[in-house]
């Protein structure tokens, strides 16, 4: 595990953010397949894993994740996915 030195205040803020995310994911109650996709992606951060667990296509997962977030978890997941895939989306021929 890589460790980055930071200030104590920043470390405390990071802990608060992580605790908030854990509570948000654990309390999330999906009411639709789209929300199931959001929750599974929040847990695994893997489209392949979501497709294995839920009967959905890769394209469906990407479509759901990249739509504008309808709730707080969806917004966080979309933002993370967009940051994670920025290098692939910005590639030009």
N, C-alpha and C. Protein backbone atom coordinates (compact mmCIF):
# COMPACT_ATOMS: atom_id res chain seq x y z
N UNK A 1 0.85 -1.18 0.00
CA UNK A 1 0.00 0.00 0.00
C UNK A 1 0.90 1.24 0.00
N UNK A 2 0.66 2.10 -0.95
CA UNK A 2 1.43 3.34 -1.03
C UNK A 2 0.89 4.33 0.00
N UNK A 3 1.79 5.07 0.58
CA UNK A 3 1.39 6.06 1.58
C UNK A 3 1.87 7.43 1.14
N UNK A 4 0.96 8.37 1.15
CA UNK A 4 1.28 9.74 0.80
C UNK A 4 1.25 10.57 2.07
N UNK A 5 2.30 11.29 2.31
CA UNK A 5 2.35 12.15 3.49
C UNK A 5 1.39 13.32 3.28
N UNK A 6 0.68 13.69 4.33
CA UNK A 6 -0.27 14.79 4.26
C UNK A 6 -0.40 15.41 5.64
N UNK A 7 -1.09 16.50 5.69
CA UNK A 7 -1.31 17.15 6.98
C UNK A 7 -2.33 16.34 7.79
N UNK A 8 -2.31 16.54 9.07
CA UNK A 8 -3.26 15.86 9.95
C UNK A 8 -4.69 16.26 9.59
N UNK A 9 -4.91 17.55 9.34
CA UNK A 9 -6.26 18.02 8.99
C UNK A 9 -6.74 17.36 7.70
N UNK A 10 -5.86 17.25 6.72
CA UNK A 10 -6.26 16.62 5.46
C UNK A 10 -6.56 15.14 5.67
N UNK A 11 -5.77 14.47 6.49
CA UNK A 11 -6.00 13.05 6.78
C UNK A 11 -7.36 12.87 7.45
N UNK A 12 -7.70 13.73 8.40
CA UNK A 12 -9.00 13.65 9.07
C UNK A 12 -10.14 13.85 8.09
N UNK A 13 -9.99 14.81 7.18
CA UNK A 13 -11.01 15.08 6.17
C UNK A 13 -11.18 13.87 5.24
N UNK A 14 -10.06 13.26 4.88
CA UNK A 14 -10.11 12.07 4.02
C UNK A 14 -10.84 10.93 4.72
N UNK A 15 -10.59 10.75 6.00
CA UNK A 15 -11.30 9.72 6.78
C UNK A 15 -12.79 10.01 6.79
N UNK A 16 -13.17 11.25 7.00
CA UNK A 16 -14.59 11.63 7.01
C UNK A 16 -15.23 11.31 5.65
N UNK A 17 -14.53 11.65 4.57
CA UNK A 17 -15.05 11.39 3.23
C UNK A 17 -15.22 9.89 2.98
N UNK A 18 -14.25 9.11 3.39
CA UNK A 18 -14.33 7.66 3.21
C UNK A 18 -15.45 7.05 4.05
N UNK A 19 -15.60 7.51 5.28
CA UNK A 19 -16.68 7.01 6.13
C UNK A 19 -18.05 7.36 5.53
N UNK A 20 -18.16 8.57 4.99
CA UNK A 20 -19.41 8.98 4.34
C UNK A 20 -19.73 8.06 3.17
N UNK A 21 -18.72 7.77 2.35
CA UNK A 21 -18.91 6.91 1.17
C UNK A 21 -19.33 5.50 1.60
N UNK A 22 -18.68 4.95 2.59
CA UNK A 22 -19.02 3.61 3.08
C UNK A 22 -20.46 3.58 3.57
N UNK A 23 -20.85 4.57 4.36
CA UNK A 23 -22.24 4.62 4.86
C UNK A 23 -23.22 4.76 3.70
N UNK A 24 -22.90 5.60 2.73
CA UNK A 24 -23.77 5.82 1.58
C UNK A 24 -23.98 4.53 0.80
N UNK A 25 -22.91 3.83 0.51
CA UNK A 25 -23.01 2.58 -0.26
C UNK A 25 -23.76 1.52 0.54
N UNK A 26 -23.40 1.36 1.80
CA UNK A 26 -24.03 0.32 2.62
C UNK A 26 -25.51 0.57 2.88
N UNK A 27 -25.92 1.81 2.90
CA UNK A 27 -27.34 2.10 3.16
C UNK A 27 -28.16 2.26 1.88
N UNK A 28 -27.52 2.21 0.74
CA UNK A 28 -28.20 2.40 -0.55
C UNK A 28 -29.16 1.26 -0.80
N UNK A 29 -30.42 1.59 -1.06
CA UNK A 29 -31.47 0.60 -1.30
C UNK A 29 -31.95 0.71 -2.74
N UNK A 30 -31.37 -0.09 -3.65
CA UNK A 30 -31.74 0.00 -5.07
C UNK A 30 -33.21 -0.34 -5.29
N UNK A 31 -33.85 0.46 -6.13
CA UNK A 31 -35.25 0.24 -6.48
C UNK A 31 -35.42 -0.11 -7.95
N UNK A 32 -34.33 -0.17 -8.70
CA UNK A 32 -34.39 -0.47 -10.13
C UNK A 32 -33.08 -1.13 -10.54
N UNK A 33 -33.05 -1.68 -11.74
CA UNK A 33 -31.82 -2.30 -12.24
C UNK A 33 -30.72 -1.25 -12.39
N UNK A 34 -31.09 -0.04 -12.76
CA UNK A 34 -30.10 1.03 -12.87
C UNK A 34 -29.44 1.32 -11.53
N UNK A 35 -30.23 1.36 -10.48
CA UNK A 35 -29.67 1.59 -9.15
C UNK A 35 -28.84 0.39 -8.67
N UNK A 36 -29.23 -0.82 -9.07
CA UNK A 36 -28.42 -2.01 -8.76
C UNK A 36 -27.05 -1.88 -9.42
N UNK A 37 -27.04 -1.41 -10.66
CA UNK A 37 -25.78 -1.21 -11.39
C UNK A 37 -24.92 -0.19 -10.68
N UNK A 38 -25.52 0.92 -10.28
CA UNK A 38 -24.78 1.96 -9.57
C UNK A 38 -24.18 1.40 -8.29
N UNK A 39 -24.96 0.66 -7.51
CA UNK A 39 -24.45 0.12 -6.24
C UNK A 39 -23.32 -0.88 -6.48
N UNK A 40 -23.50 -1.79 -7.41
CA UNK A 40 -22.46 -2.78 -7.67
C UNK A 40 -21.19 -2.13 -8.19
N UNK A 41 -21.34 -1.11 -9.01
CA UNK A 41 -20.14 -0.42 -9.49
C UNK A 41 -19.47 0.33 -8.35
N UNK A 42 -20.25 0.89 -7.45
CA UNK A 42 -19.68 1.58 -6.28
C UNK A 42 -18.90 0.60 -5.41
N UNK A 43 -19.35 -0.62 -5.34
CA UNK A 43 -18.68 -1.64 -4.52
C UNK A 43 -17.41 -2.15 -5.19
N UNK A 44 -17.47 -2.41 -6.50
CA UNK A 44 -16.36 -3.07 -7.18
C UNK A 44 -15.49 -2.16 -8.03
N UNK A 45 -16.06 -1.05 -8.50
CA UNK A 45 -15.38 -0.16 -9.44
C UNK A 45 -14.94 -0.92 -10.69
N UNK A 46 -15.76 -1.91 -11.09
CA UNK A 46 -15.42 -2.76 -12.23
C UNK A 46 -16.67 -3.07 -13.05
N UNK A 47 -16.66 -2.67 -14.30
CA UNK A 47 -17.78 -2.97 -15.18
C UNK A 47 -17.89 -4.48 -15.38
N UNK A 48 -16.77 -5.15 -15.54
CA UNK A 48 -16.76 -6.60 -15.73
C UNK A 48 -17.43 -7.30 -14.54
N UNK A 49 -17.10 -6.88 -13.34
CA UNK A 49 -17.70 -7.49 -12.14
C UNK A 49 -19.20 -7.22 -12.07
N UNK A 50 -19.62 -6.03 -12.45
CA UNK A 50 -21.06 -5.72 -12.46
C UNK A 50 -21.77 -6.63 -13.45
N UNK A 51 -21.19 -6.81 -14.64
CA UNK A 51 -21.79 -7.68 -15.65
C UNK A 51 -21.86 -9.13 -15.19
N UNK A 52 -20.87 -9.58 -14.43
CA UNK A 52 -20.89 -10.95 -13.90
C UNK A 52 -22.00 -11.13 -12.88
N UNK A 53 -22.19 -10.13 -12.03
CA UNK A 53 -23.17 -10.25 -10.94
C UNK A 53 -24.61 -10.01 -11.42
N UNK A 54 -24.78 -9.08 -12.33
CA UNK A 54 -26.12 -8.73 -12.81
C UNK A 54 -26.26 -9.14 -14.28
N UNK A 55 -27.43 -9.51 -14.70
CA UNK A 55 -27.62 -9.92 -16.11
C UNK A 55 -27.74 -8.71 -17.04
N UNK A 56 -26.63 -7.98 -17.19
CA UNK A 56 -26.63 -6.80 -18.04
C UNK A 56 -25.37 -6.78 -18.91
N UNK A 57 -25.46 -6.04 -20.00
CA UNK A 57 -24.32 -5.93 -20.92
C UNK A 57 -23.36 -4.84 -20.46
N UNK A 58 -22.17 -4.91 -20.99
CA UNK A 58 -21.15 -3.89 -20.73
C UNK A 58 -21.68 -2.51 -21.12
N UNK A 59 -22.32 -2.44 -22.28
CA UNK A 59 -22.85 -1.17 -22.78
C UNK A 59 -23.91 -0.59 -21.84
N UNK A 60 -24.75 -1.46 -21.30
CA UNK A 60 -25.79 -1.01 -20.36
C UNK A 60 -25.16 -0.40 -19.11
N UNK A 61 -24.13 -1.05 -18.59
CA UNK A 61 -23.46 -0.53 -17.39
C UNK A 61 -22.86 0.83 -17.68
N UNK A 62 -22.15 0.96 -18.80
CA UNK A 62 -21.55 2.25 -19.16
C UNK A 62 -22.63 3.31 -19.34
N UNK A 63 -23.72 2.96 -20.03
CA UNK A 63 -24.81 3.91 -20.24
C UNK A 63 -25.38 4.41 -18.91
N UNK A 64 -25.60 3.50 -17.98
CA UNK A 64 -26.17 3.88 -16.68
C UNK A 64 -25.19 4.77 -15.91
N UNK A 65 -23.94 4.34 -15.84
CA UNK A 65 -22.96 5.09 -15.06
C UNK A 65 -22.73 6.49 -15.62
N UNK A 66 -22.73 6.62 -16.94
CA UNK A 66 -22.40 7.91 -17.54
C UNK A 66 -23.58 8.86 -17.67
N UNK A 67 -24.79 8.40 -17.39
CA UNK A 67 -25.91 9.35 -17.38
C UNK A 67 -25.76 10.25 -16.17
N UNK A 68 -26.36 11.42 -16.24
CA UNK A 68 -26.28 12.34 -15.10
C UNK A 68 -26.88 11.67 -13.88
N UNK A 69 -26.19 11.81 -12.76
CA UNK A 69 -26.61 11.16 -11.52
C UNK A 69 -27.97 11.61 -11.05
N UNK A 70 -28.77 10.65 -10.63
CA UNK A 70 -30.11 10.95 -10.13
C UNK A 70 -30.13 11.01 -8.61
N UNK A 71 -29.08 10.52 -7.98
CA UNK A 71 -28.97 10.57 -6.53
C UNK A 71 -27.50 10.75 -6.17
N UNK A 72 -27.22 10.90 -4.90
CA UNK A 72 -25.86 11.21 -4.45
C UNK A 72 -24.85 10.13 -4.82
N UNK A 73 -25.20 8.87 -4.62
CA UNK A 73 -24.26 7.79 -4.96
C UNK A 73 -23.99 7.76 -6.46
N UNK A 74 -25.03 7.90 -7.25
CA UNK A 74 -24.86 7.90 -8.70
C UNK A 74 -23.94 9.04 -9.14
N UNK A 75 -24.10 10.20 -8.55
CA UNK A 75 -23.24 11.35 -8.89
C UNK A 75 -21.78 11.05 -8.56
N UNK A 76 -21.54 10.45 -7.40
CA UNK A 76 -20.17 10.12 -6.99
C UNK A 76 -19.58 9.07 -7.92
N UNK A 77 -20.36 8.03 -8.22
CA UNK A 77 -19.90 6.96 -9.10
C UNK A 77 -19.58 7.50 -10.49
N UNK A 78 -20.47 8.33 -11.02
CA UNK A 78 -20.24 8.90 -12.35
C UNK A 78 -18.96 9.74 -12.36
N UNK A 79 -18.79 10.57 -11.36
CA UNK A 79 -17.60 11.41 -11.30
C UNK A 79 -16.33 10.57 -11.26
N UNK A 80 -16.34 9.53 -10.44
CA UNK A 80 -15.18 8.64 -10.35
C UNK A 80 -14.91 7.92 -11.66
N UNK A 81 -15.98 7.44 -12.30
CA UNK A 81 -15.82 6.75 -13.59
C UNK A 81 -15.27 7.69 -14.65
N UNK A 82 -15.79 8.90 -14.68
CA UNK A 82 -15.32 9.87 -15.68
C UNK A 82 -13.85 10.21 -15.47
N UNK A 83 -13.43 10.32 -14.22
CA UNK A 83 -12.01 10.58 -13.93
C UNK A 83 -11.16 9.37 -14.31
N UNK A 84 -11.66 8.18 -13.98
CA UNK A 84 -10.93 6.94 -14.25
C UNK A 84 -10.74 6.70 -15.74
N UNK A 85 -11.71 7.11 -16.55
CA UNK A 85 -11.67 6.83 -17.99
C UNK A 85 -11.29 8.05 -18.83
N UNK A 86 -10.91 9.13 -18.20
CA UNK A 86 -10.60 10.36 -18.93
C UNK A 86 -9.53 10.13 -20.00
N UNK A 87 -8.49 9.39 -19.66
CA UNK A 87 -7.42 9.15 -20.61
C UNK A 87 -7.90 8.41 -21.85
N UNK A 88 -8.90 7.54 -21.71
CA UNK A 88 -9.43 6.79 -22.85
C UNK A 88 -10.38 7.65 -23.68
N UNK A 89 -11.12 8.51 -23.03
CA UNK A 89 -12.09 9.35 -23.74
C UNK A 89 -11.44 10.53 -24.44
N UNK A 90 -10.27 10.95 -23.98
CA UNK A 90 -9.64 12.12 -24.57
C UNK A 90 -8.66 11.76 -25.68
N UNK A 91 -8.49 10.47 -25.95
CA UNK A 91 -7.56 10.04 -26.99
C UNK A 91 -8.12 10.40 -28.35
N UNK A 92 -7.33 11.05 -29.17
CA UNK A 92 -7.73 11.46 -30.52
C UNK A 92 -6.81 10.79 -31.53
N UNK A 93 -7.39 10.41 -32.66
CA UNK A 93 -6.61 9.78 -33.73
C UNK A 93 -5.92 10.81 -34.58
